[in-house]
Amino acid sequence: MHVQIVNFNLKDMTDAEFRSMANEVAPAFASVPGLLGKIWLADASKNTYGGVYIWQDAAAMQAYLASDLGKGVTGNPSFANLTSSDFEMLSGPTAGSGGPVAASLTATAGLAL
């Protein structure tokens, strides 16, 4: 499993406009192959926004980044200072941490707790 964290600052877009746009485009992410979930992030006081993407694997993330939807995010002129970091999920410690999120992630990854 793979996790991607994206952050950016809004440029020429208000917080309300971003939230409206996010609500409009969110359903498009439901059909992205290999995307297990996306958590939308906002901190209006620091003008920092983004998302946490949970991918089946790194190949699914790379395919998304090459897609029109992925290019629409990374190339959006209203998203300034965009950063994207990706990480392998460590299944052992994640499972050992417990809780419903850890159980869901490790089960989705095909790992028994």
Protein backbone atom coordinates (compact mmCIF):
# COMPACT_ATOMS: atom_id res chain seq x y z
CA MET A 1 0.00 0.00 0.00
CA HIS A 2 1.15 3.54 -0.73
CA VAL A 3 0.29 6.92 0.81
CA GLN A 4 0.63 10.27 -0.96
CA ILE A 5 0.42 13.63 0.83
CA VAL A 6 -0.23 16.72 -1.27
CA ASN A 7 -0.14 20.30 0.08
CA PHE A 8 -0.56 23.67 -1.61
CA ASN A 9 -1.55 27.28 -1.02
CA LEU A 10 -4.49 28.88 -2.75
CA LYS A 11 -3.71 31.59 -5.29
CA ASP A 12 -6.53 33.75 -6.68
CA MET A 13 -9.08 31.43 -5.06
CA THR A 14 -10.91 31.85 -1.76
CA ASP A 15 -11.44 29.18 0.84
CA ALA A 16 -15.16 29.11 -0.04
CA GLU A 17 -14.37 28.73 -3.73
CA PHE A 18 -11.97 25.87 -3.00
CA ARG A 19 -14.53 24.06 -0.85
CA SER A 20 -17.18 24.45 -3.54
CA MET A 21 -14.80 23.17 -6.24
CA ALA A 22 -13.76 20.25 -4.01
CA ASN A 23 -17.39 19.21 -3.53
CA GLU A 24 -17.92 19.33 -7.29
CA VAL A 25 -14.87 17.27 -8.28
CA ALA A 26 -14.80 14.80 -5.37
CA PRO A 27 -16.96 12.20 -7.16
CA ALA A 28 -14.37 11.98 -9.97
CA PHE A 29 -11.89 10.49 -7.49
CA ALA A 30 -14.26 7.61 -6.64
CA SER A 31 -13.48 5.91 -9.95
CA VAL A 32 -9.69 6.35 -10.00
CA PRO A 33 -8.18 2.85 -10.37
CA GLY A 34 -6.18 1.83 -7.31
CA LEU A 35 -7.25 4.82 -5.18
CA LEU A 36 -8.56 3.37 -1.93
CA GLY A 37 -9.44 6.73 -0.42
CA LYS A 38 -8.74 10.44 -0.42
CA ILE A 39 -8.91 12.68 2.63
CA TRP A 40 -9.33 16.36 1.77
CA LEU A 41 -7.40 18.85 3.92
CA ALA A 42 -7.91 22.55 4.69
CA ASP A 43 -6.34 25.04 7.06
CA ALA A 44 -7.74 28.39 5.95
CA SER A 45 -5.85 30.31 8.65
CA LYS A 46 -2.53 29.16 7.13
CA ASN A 47 -3.78 29.05 3.52
CA THR A 48 -2.72 25.42 3.35
CA TYR A 49 -4.83 22.81 1.58
CA GLY A 50 -4.33 19.39 0.09
CA GLY A 51 -5.12 15.75 0.43
CA VAL A 52 -3.98 12.42 1.75
CA TYR A 53 -4.34 9.72 -0.89
CA ILE A 54 -4.26 6.04 0.00
CA TRP A 55 -3.20 3.93 -2.99
CA GLN A 56 -3.21 0.20 -3.59
CA ASP A 57 0.38 0.56 -4.80
CA ALA A 58 2.87 3.06 -6.23
CA ALA A 59 1.97 2.07 -9.80
CA ALA A 60 -1.64 3.20 -9.26
CA MET A 61 -0.38 6.55 -7.95
CA GLN A 62 1.90 7.00 -10.97
CA ALA A 63 -0.96 6.16 -13.36
CA TYR A 64 -3.15 8.77 -11.65
CA LEU A 65 -0.42 11.42 -11.87
CA ALA A 66 -0.19 10.77 -15.63
CA SER A 67 -3.99 10.99 -16.05
CA ASP A 68 -5.99 14.08 -16.97
CA LEU A 69 -7.38 14.25 -13.42
CA GLY A 70 -3.92 14.05 -11.87
CA LYS A 71 -2.53 16.65 -14.26
CA GLY A 72 -5.51 18.86 -13.44
CA VAL A 73 -4.48 18.86 -9.79
CA THR A 74 -0.73 19.27 -10.24
CA GLY A 75 -1.16 21.86 -13.00
CA ASN A 76 -3.94 23.90 -11.40
CA PRO A 77 -2.81 27.57 -11.49
CA SER A 78 -4.79 28.22 -8.28
CA PHE A 79 -2.64 25.70 -6.37
CA ALA A 80 0.62 27.50 -5.56
CA ASN A 81 3.68 25.92 -3.93
CA LEU A 82 2.30 22.43 -4.49
CA THR A 83 4.28 19.63 -2.89
CA SER A 84 3.67 15.91 -3.20
CA SER A 85 5.36 13.27 -1.07
CA ASP A 86 4.70 9.57 -1.20
CA PHE A 87 5.44 6.78 1.21
CA GLU A 88 5.23 3.03 1.50
CA MET A 89 2.83 1.95 4.25
CA LEU A 90 4.63 -0.12 6.87
CA SER A 91 2.16 -2.93 7.40
CA GLY A 92 3.62 -4.42 10.60
CA PRO A 93 3.62 -1.29 12.77
CA THR A 94 0.37 -0.08 11.19
CA ALA A 95 -1.37 -3.31 12.19
CA GLY A 96 0.27 -3.19 15.62
CA SER A 97 -1.01 0.34 16.25
CA GLY A 98 -4.56 -0.93 16.42
CA GLY A 99 -7.78 0.96 15.93
CA PRO A 100 -10.37 0.85 13.15
CA VAL A 101 -8.30 2.75 10.58
CA ALA A 102 -5.29 0.47 11.01
CA ALA A 103 -7.53 -2.59 10.81
CA SER A 104 -9.18 -1.33 7.66
CA LEU A 105 -5.88 -0.45 5.98
CA THR A 106 -4.19 -3.71 6.78
CA ALA A 107 -7.27 -5.72 5.75
CA THR A 108 -7.42 -3.83 2.45
CA ALA A 109 -3.75 -4.55 1.91
CA GLY A 110 -4.54 -8.25 2.35
CA LEU A 111 -2.84 -8.53 5.71
CA ALA A 112 -4.37 -10.24 8.74
CA LEU A 113 -4.18 -8.44 12.04
